[in-house]
């Protein structure tokens, strides 16, 4: 469950990547509510005090990463909106150059050639961020939401 290379106490120790991957795989088709994480340990090795620390560490890890992923998703959506607005403004400026200065001089013609594809780039890249990139991150946020809400139980066999 914890990284073998981390000698710190359980209250701050890093979680194993394998443990996180396995919990992701196990929780994919589960609902957010009613989810339980059962950690199995031999009865002779169980320690109530240590189990309480481990549960607290797991919850804090999941909450921290939920906040982090949620913040990243919101930032990506805001960035996408900013790109869309920038693209629309850039396309508007290209339109202004087209109607006012279309055949006047080389610099103004160059500005039209520069602004038009830049506007489309910003517009489509913003849509890509909002529709596809943010959607791509949703499963990770959903995983951490599930794990934050799940009940963690130690059991023996």
Protein backbone atom coordinates (compact mmCIF):
# COMPACT_ATOMS: atom_id res chain seq x y z
CA UNK A 1 0.00 0.00 0.00
CA UNK A 2 2.87 2.36 0.81
CA UNK A 3 6.04 2.92 -1.15
CA UNK A 4 8.86 0.65 0.00
CA UNK A 5 11.33 3.44 -0.66
CA UNK A 6 9.70 5.90 1.71
CA UNK A 7 11.05 5.51 5.26
CA UNK A 8 8.83 8.24 6.78
CA UNK A 9 6.09 7.45 9.31
CA UNK A 10 2.76 6.13 8.00
CA UNK A 11 1.09 9.46 8.70
CA UNK A 12 3.04 11.11 5.83
CA UNK A 13 4.33 8.18 3.77
CA UNK A 14 3.76 8.08 0.00
CA UNK A 15 1.24 5.65 -1.38
CA UNK A 16 2.45 3.01 -3.79
CA UNK A 17 1.70 3.57 -7.45
CA UNK A 18 0.66 -0.09 -7.68
CA UNK A 19 -1.83 0.42 -4.84
CA UNK A 20 -3.33 3.48 -6.53
CA UNK A 21 -3.54 1.66 -9.88
CA UNK A 22 -5.27 -1.35 -8.28
CA UNK A 23 -7.79 0.81 -6.45
CA UNK A 24 -8.52 2.66 -9.72
CA UNK A 25 -9.11 -0.61 -11.51
CA UNK A 26 -11.30 -1.97 -8.73
CA UNK A 27 -13.44 1.19 -8.46
CA UNK A 28 -14.08 1.84 -12.16
CA UNK A 29 -17.58 0.37 -12.29
CA UNK A 30 -18.57 1.22 -8.70
CA UNK A 31 -20.88 4.01 -7.60
CA UNK A 32 -19.59 6.87 -5.46
CA UNK A 33 -21.88 6.05 -2.56
CA UNK A 34 -21.50 2.87 -0.55
CA UNK A 35 -17.98 2.10 -1.73
CA UNK A 36 -15.78 0.26 0.78
CA UNK A 37 -12.04 -0.32 0.68
CA UNK A 38 -11.14 -3.49 2.58
CA UNK A 39 -7.51 -3.83 3.59
CA UNK A 40 -6.66 -7.36 4.63
CA UNK A 41 -3.93 -8.01 7.19
CA UNK A 42 -3.08 -11.09 9.27
CA UNK A 43 -4.73 -10.89 12.68
CA UNK A 44 -1.40 -11.19 14.52
CA UNK A 45 0.02 -8.16 12.67
CA UNK A 46 -2.93 -5.83 13.13
CA UNK A 47 -2.51 -2.72 15.25
CA UNK A 48 -5.59 -0.55 15.93
CA UNK A 49 -3.55 2.60 16.50
CA UNK A 50 -1.57 2.10 13.29
CA UNK A 51 -4.74 1.29 11.33
CA UNK A 52 -6.28 4.57 12.44
CA UNK A 53 -3.17 6.46 11.24
CA UNK A 54 -3.22 4.62 7.92
CA UNK A 55 -6.93 5.35 7.36
CA UNK A 56 -6.31 9.02 8.10
CA UNK A 57 -3.33 9.06 5.70
CA UNK A 58 -5.34 7.42 2.92
CA UNK A 59 -8.23 9.87 3.34
CA UNK A 60 -5.88 12.87 3.35
CA UNK A 61 -4.12 11.58 0.22
CA UNK A 62 -7.40 11.11 -1.64
CA UNK A 63 -8.78 14.50 -0.55
CA UNK A 64 -5.55 16.28 -1.52
CA UNK A 65 -5.52 14.72 -4.97
CA UNK A 66 -9.24 15.35 -5.50
CA UNK A 67 -8.67 19.06 -4.84
CA UNK A 68 -5.62 19.06 -7.11
CA UNK A 69 -7.34 17.32 -10.05
CA UNK A 70 -10.50 19.41 -9.61
CA UNK A 71 -8.42 22.61 -9.66
CA UNK A 72 -6.54 21.45 -12.78
CA UNK A 73 -9.83 20.69 -14.56
CA UNK A 74 -11.30 24.08 -13.67
CA UNK A 75 -8.10 25.81 -14.77
CA UNK A 76 -8.19 23.94 -18.09
CA UNK A 77 -11.80 25.00 -18.70
CA UNK A 78 -10.99 28.63 -17.82
CA UNK A 79 -7.98 28.51 -20.12
CA UNK A 80 -10.16 27.07 -22.88
CA UNK A 81 -12.68 29.88 -22.42
CA UNK A 82 -9.86 32.44 -22.57
CA UNK A 83 -8.59 30.83 -25.80
CA UNK A 84 -12.07 30.95 -27.35
CA UNK A 85 -12.47 34.62 -26.44
CA UNK A 86 -8.96 35.41 -27.72
CA UNK A 87 -9.74 33.57 -30.96
CA UNK A 88 -13.01 35.44 -31.43
CA UNK A 89 -11.32 38.80 -30.81
CA UNK A 90 -8.49 37.89 -33.18
CA UNK A 91 -10.96 36.87 -35.89
CA UNK A 92 -12.86 40.13 -35.35
CA UNK A 93 -9.61 42.08 -35.79
CA UNK A 94 -8.91 40.12 -38.98
CA UNK A 95 -12.39 41.06 -40.22
CA UNK A 96 -11.75 44.73 -39.42
CA UNK A 97 -8.46 44.60 -41.37
CA UNK A 98 -10.23 42.89 -44.27
CA UNK A 99 -12.97 45.52 -44.57
CA UNK A 100 -10.93 48.62 -43.80
CA UNK A 101 -7.46 47.97 -45.17
CA UNK A 102 -7.79 45.02 -47.56
CA UNK A 103 -5.81 46.41 -50.46
CA UNK A 104 -3.89 49.31 -48.94
CA UNK A 105 -0.38 48.10 -48.16
CA UNK A 106 1.68 45.01 -47.56
CA UNK A 107 1.85 45.32 -43.74
CA UNK A 108 -1.93 45.50 -43.37
CA UNK A 109 -2.35 42.58 -45.76
CA UNK A 110 0.22 40.64 -43.72
CA UNK A 111 -1.72 41.41 -40.53
CA UNK A 112 -4.82 39.91 -42.12
CA UNK A 113 -2.92 36.79 -43.13
CA UNK A 114 -1.49 36.51 -39.59
CA UNK A 115 -4.65 37.22 -37.61
CA UNK A 116 -7.08 34.96 -39.44
CA UNK A 117 -5.38 31.59 -38.81
CA UNK A 118 -4.34 32.71 -35.33
CA UNK A 119 -7.97 33.42 -34.50
CA UNK A 120 -9.10 30.03 -35.75
CA UNK A 121 -6.27 28.33 -33.87
CA UNK A 122 -7.18 29.94 -30.55
CA UNK A 123 -10.87 29.29 -31.08
CA UNK A 124 -10.50 25.59 -31.94
CA UNK A 125 -7.80 24.96 -29.35
CA UNK A 126 -10.07 26.49 -26.68
CA UNK A 127 -12.92 24.22 -27.73
CA UNK A 128 -10.52 21.26 -27.65
CA UNK A 129 -9.51 22.11 -24.07
CA UNK A 130 -13.09 22.41 -22.88
CA UNK A 131 -14.60 19.46 -24.73
CA UNK A 132 -11.84 16.87 -24.98
CA UNK A 133 -9.02 17.65 -22.55
CA UNK A 134 -11.28 18.38 -19.57
CA UNK A 135 -13.37 15.30 -20.40
CA UNK A 136 -10.20 13.20 -20.49
CA UNK A 137 -9.45 14.21 -16.87
CA UNK A 138 -12.93 13.41 -15.53
CA UNK A 139 -12.24 9.72 -14.75
CA UNK A 140 -9.32 10.69 -12.50
CA UNK A 141 -11.45 13.24 -10.65
CA UNK A 142 -14.24 10.66 -10.34
CA UNK A 143 -11.78 8.13 -8.88
CA UNK A 144 -10.60 10.53 -6.19
CA UNK A 145 -14.20 11.55 -5.46
CA UNK A 146 -15.06 7.86 -4.92
CA UNK A 147 -12.05 7.22 -2.74
CA UNK A 148 -12.67 10.33 -0.64
CA UNK A 149 -16.21 9.12 0.06
CA UNK A 150 -15.39 5.43 0.58
CA UNK A 151 -15.27 3.63 3.91
CA UNK A 152 -11.85 2.16 4.71
CA UNK A 153 -11.90 -1.04 6.76
CA UNK A 154 -9.21 -3.38 8.00
CA UNK A 155 -10.10 -7.05 8.15
CA UNK A 156 -8.36 -10.33 8.90
CA UNK A 157 -8.69 -13.70 7.27
